[in-house]
């Protein structure tokens, strides 16, 4: 039964039941004395992925609530498990609203800076991001003559064409409101 649970949750693209998967891995490890590699081979997965599911098993219930709700996935859960139990619940909450890249950065920052609070680590990681606002690109086909005029005017203003177009759009929107 444990292998069936693993196969259904490890090798499919449907929503995974992380709790049942972690329980199945733990059962196979303890009761059947199987290694991560053996379990992985049995379900067509690698031992590393199986070990990540196993590490979820011991997380506190506060983190499991975030996992069950889908706010924390396998990667984040595993990263939380790498910390001591005293930090796991707080770290789980802090990571729940971050994307995978930011959560990785946060966990690494927490590990390198154990003297800082988790809240302080999150603040520093988010402040270090180079892009804080979403940027939207608009491609506009222009006749060559129009582009030449834009380029000429931008050179007079000593700015790039794209910066000039951005200024024109912003000014136009301000006048429209």
Protein backbone atom coordinates (compact mmCIF):
# COMPACT_ATOMS: atom_id res chain seq x y z
CA UNK A 1 0.00 0.00 0.00
CA UNK A 2 2.84 2.41 0.86
CA UNK A 3 4.42 1.94 -2.57
CA UNK A 4 1.06 2.62 -4.25
CA UNK A 5 0.75 5.88 -2.29
CA UNK A 6 4.26 6.86 -3.34
CA UNK A 7 3.71 5.98 -6.97
CA UNK A 8 0.47 8.02 -7.03
CA UNK A 9 2.13 11.05 -5.43
CA UNK A 10 5.67 11.01 -6.80
CA UNK A 11 5.28 10.15 -10.47
CA UNK A 12 2.12 12.07 -11.38
CA UNK A 13 1.42 15.66 -12.23
CA UNK A 14 -1.76 15.83 -10.20
CA UNK A 15 -1.97 17.49 -6.78
CA UNK A 16 0.24 15.60 -4.38
CA UNK A 17 -0.67 14.50 -0.86
CA UNK A 18 2.60 15.35 0.84
CA UNK A 19 1.50 14.07 4.25
CA UNK A 20 0.55 10.59 3.01
CA UNK A 21 3.71 10.46 0.91
CA UNK A 22 5.92 11.37 3.88
CA UNK A 23 4.15 8.79 6.02
CA UNK A 24 4.59 6.11 3.33
CA UNK A 25 8.30 6.86 2.98
CA UNK A 26 8.77 6.73 6.74
CA UNK A 27 6.88 3.43 6.92
CA UNK A 28 9.06 1.88 4.20
CA UNK A 29 12.24 3.17 5.84
CA UNK A 30 11.38 1.95 9.34
CA UNK A 31 9.20 -1.12 8.84
CA UNK A 32 10.60 -2.48 5.59
CA UNK A 33 14.16 -1.21 6.16
CA UNK A 34 14.36 0.20 2.62
CA UNK A 35 16.91 2.84 1.64
CA UNK A 36 15.90 6.02 -0.17
CA UNK A 37 17.48 4.63 -3.33
CA UNK A 38 15.53 1.35 -3.01
CA UNK A 39 12.26 3.19 -2.50
CA UNK A 40 13.03 5.49 -5.42
CA UNK A 41 13.79 2.60 -7.76
CA UNK A 42 10.51 0.91 -6.73
CA UNK A 43 8.46 3.92 -7.87
CA UNK A 44 10.67 5.27 -10.65
CA UNK A 45 12.05 8.24 -8.73
CA UNK A 46 15.47 9.19 -7.44
CA UNK A 47 16.53 8.68 -3.85
CA UNK A 48 17.02 12.42 -3.34
CA UNK A 49 13.34 13.16 -3.96
CA UNK A 50 12.33 10.32 -1.65
CA UNK A 51 14.61 11.67 1.09
CA UNK A 52 12.98 15.11 0.76
CA UNK A 53 9.56 13.58 1.41
CA UNK A 54 10.96 11.74 4.44
CA UNK A 55 12.33 14.95 5.93
CA UNK A 56 8.83 16.46 5.84
CA UNK A 57 7.58 13.78 8.24
CA UNK A 58 9.08 15.39 11.36
CA UNK A 59 7.99 18.97 10.69
CA UNK A 60 5.72 20.64 13.28
CA UNK A 61 1.97 20.79 12.69
CA UNK A 62 2.12 24.55 12.03
CA UNK A 63 4.30 23.86 8.99
CA UNK A 64 2.11 20.92 7.94
CA UNK A 65 -0.90 23.24 7.83
CA UNK A 66 0.98 25.37 5.29
CA UNK A 67 1.99 22.28 3.31
CA UNK A 68 -1.56 20.90 3.34
CA UNK A 69 -2.94 24.23 2.13
CA UNK A 70 -0.47 24.26 -0.78
CA UNK A 71 1.41 27.33 0.47
CA UNK A 72 4.57 25.28 1.01
CA UNK A 73 5.67 22.66 -1.52
CA UNK A 74 8.29 19.91 -1.29
CA UNK A 75 11.29 22.16 -1.92
CA UNK A 76 10.34 24.68 0.77
CA UNK A 77 9.35 21.95 3.22
CA UNK A 78 12.68 20.22 2.78
CA UNK A 79 14.55 23.48 3.30
CA UNK A 80 12.62 24.12 6.49
CA UNK A 81 13.46 20.62 7.74
CA UNK A 82 17.17 21.44 7.51
CA UNK A 83 16.83 23.93 10.37
CA UNK A 84 16.50 23.08 14.04
CA UNK A 85 13.01 22.41 15.35
CA UNK A 86 12.94 25.71 17.28
CA UNK A 87 13.01 27.66 14.01
CA UNK A 88 10.89 25.42 11.79
CA UNK A 89 7.42 26.82 12.54
CA UNK A 90 8.53 30.45 12.33
CA UNK A 91 10.53 29.81 9.18
CA UNK A 92 7.62 27.96 7.58
CA UNK A 93 5.35 30.94 8.11
CA UNK A 94 7.98 33.36 6.77
CA UNK A 95 8.51 31.29 3.61
CA UNK A 96 4.83 30.72 2.85
CA UNK A 97 4.40 33.87 0.74
CA UNK A 98 7.74 33.73 -1.08
CA UNK A 99 8.48 32.19 -4.45
CA UNK A 100 10.93 29.30 -4.69
CA UNK A 101 13.91 31.47 -5.59
CA UNK A 102 13.30 33.85 -2.68
CA UNK A 103 12.64 31.00 -0.25
CA UNK A 104 15.94 29.37 -1.22
CA UNK A 105 17.73 32.66 -0.71
CA UNK A 106 15.99 33.14 2.63
CA UNK A 107 16.87 29.67 3.95
CA UNK A 108 20.49 30.10 2.90
CA UNK A 109 20.58 33.55 4.51
CA UNK A 110 19.08 32.19 7.74
CA UNK A 111 21.67 29.40 7.80
CA UNK A 112 24.55 31.81 7.25
CA UNK A 113 23.21 34.32 9.80
CA UNK A 114 21.94 32.32 12.78
CA UNK A 115 22.28 35.38 15.03
CA UNK A 116 19.55 37.26 13.11
CA UNK A 117 15.84 36.71 13.64
CA UNK A 118 13.87 35.07 10.85
CA UNK A 119 11.92 38.30 10.33
CA UNK A 120 15.16 40.26 9.96
CA UNK A 121 16.51 37.68 7.50
CA UNK A 122 13.34 37.91 5.40
CA UNK A 123 13.53 41.70 5.35
CA UNK A 124 17.18 41.64 4.25
CA UNK A 125 16.57 39.05 1.52
CA UNK A 126 13.62 40.99 0.10
CA UNK A 127 15.51 44.28 0.27
CA UNK A 128 18.40 42.75 -1.67
CA UNK A 129 16.25 41.98 -4.69
CA UNK A 130 17.31 44.10 -7.61
CA UNK A 131 13.85 44.33 -9.17
CA UNK A 132 11.06 45.20 -6.78
CA UNK A 133 8.39 46.35 -9.24
CA UNK A 134 6.87 44.37 -12.04
CA UNK A 135 7.94 45.67 -15.41
CA UNK A 136 5.74 45.34 -18.47
CA UNK A 137 7.06 45.57 -21.99
CA UNK A 138 5.05 46.92 -24.91
CA UNK A 139 6.18 46.35 -28.46
CA UNK A 140 4.85 48.93 -30.87
CA UNK A 141 5.49 48.80 -34.61
CA UNK A 142 6.47 52.28 -35.82
CA UNK A 143 7.06 53.59 -39.30
CA UNK A 144 10.70 54.41 -39.94
CA UNK A 145 9.93 58.12 -40.18
CA UNK A 146 8.27 58.18 -36.74
CA UNK A 147 11.16 56.29 -35.17
CA UNK A 148 13.65 58.68 -36.75
CA UNK A 149 11.80 61.65 -35.19
CA UNK A 150 11.78 59.92 -31.79
CA UNK A 151 15.47 59.20 -32.07
CA UNK A 152 16.26 62.78 -33.08
CA UNK A 153 14.24 64.22 -30.16
CA UNK A 154 15.76 61.76 -27.70
CA UNK A 155 19.26 62.78 -28.78
CA UNK A 156 18.36 66.45 -28.16
CA UNK A 157 17.20 65.50 -24.64
CA UNK A 158 20.25 63.28 -24.13
CA UNK A 159 18.17 60.20 -23.26
CA UNK A 160 17.54 56.88 -24.94
CA UNK A 161 14.60 56.33 -27.28
CA UNK A 162 12.93 53.87 -24.91
CA UNK A 163 13.27 56.30 -21.99
CA UNK A 164 11.75 59.05 -24.11
CA UNK A 165 8.81 56.85 -25.14
CA UNK A 166 8.27 55.97 -21.48
CA UNK A 167 8.25 59.68 -20.56
CA UNK A 168 5.78 60.46 -23.36
CA UNK A 169 3.40 57.71 -22.20
CA UNK A 170 3.61 58.80 -18.54
CA UNK A 171 3.00 62.46 -19.46
CA UNK A 172 0.08 61.47 -21.68
CA UNK A 173 -1.49 59.38 -18.88
CA UNK A 174 -1.06 62.23 -16.39
CA UNK A 175 -2.81 64.64 -18.76
CA UNK A 176 -5.60 62.14 -19.39
CA UNK A 177 -6.36 61.92 -15.67
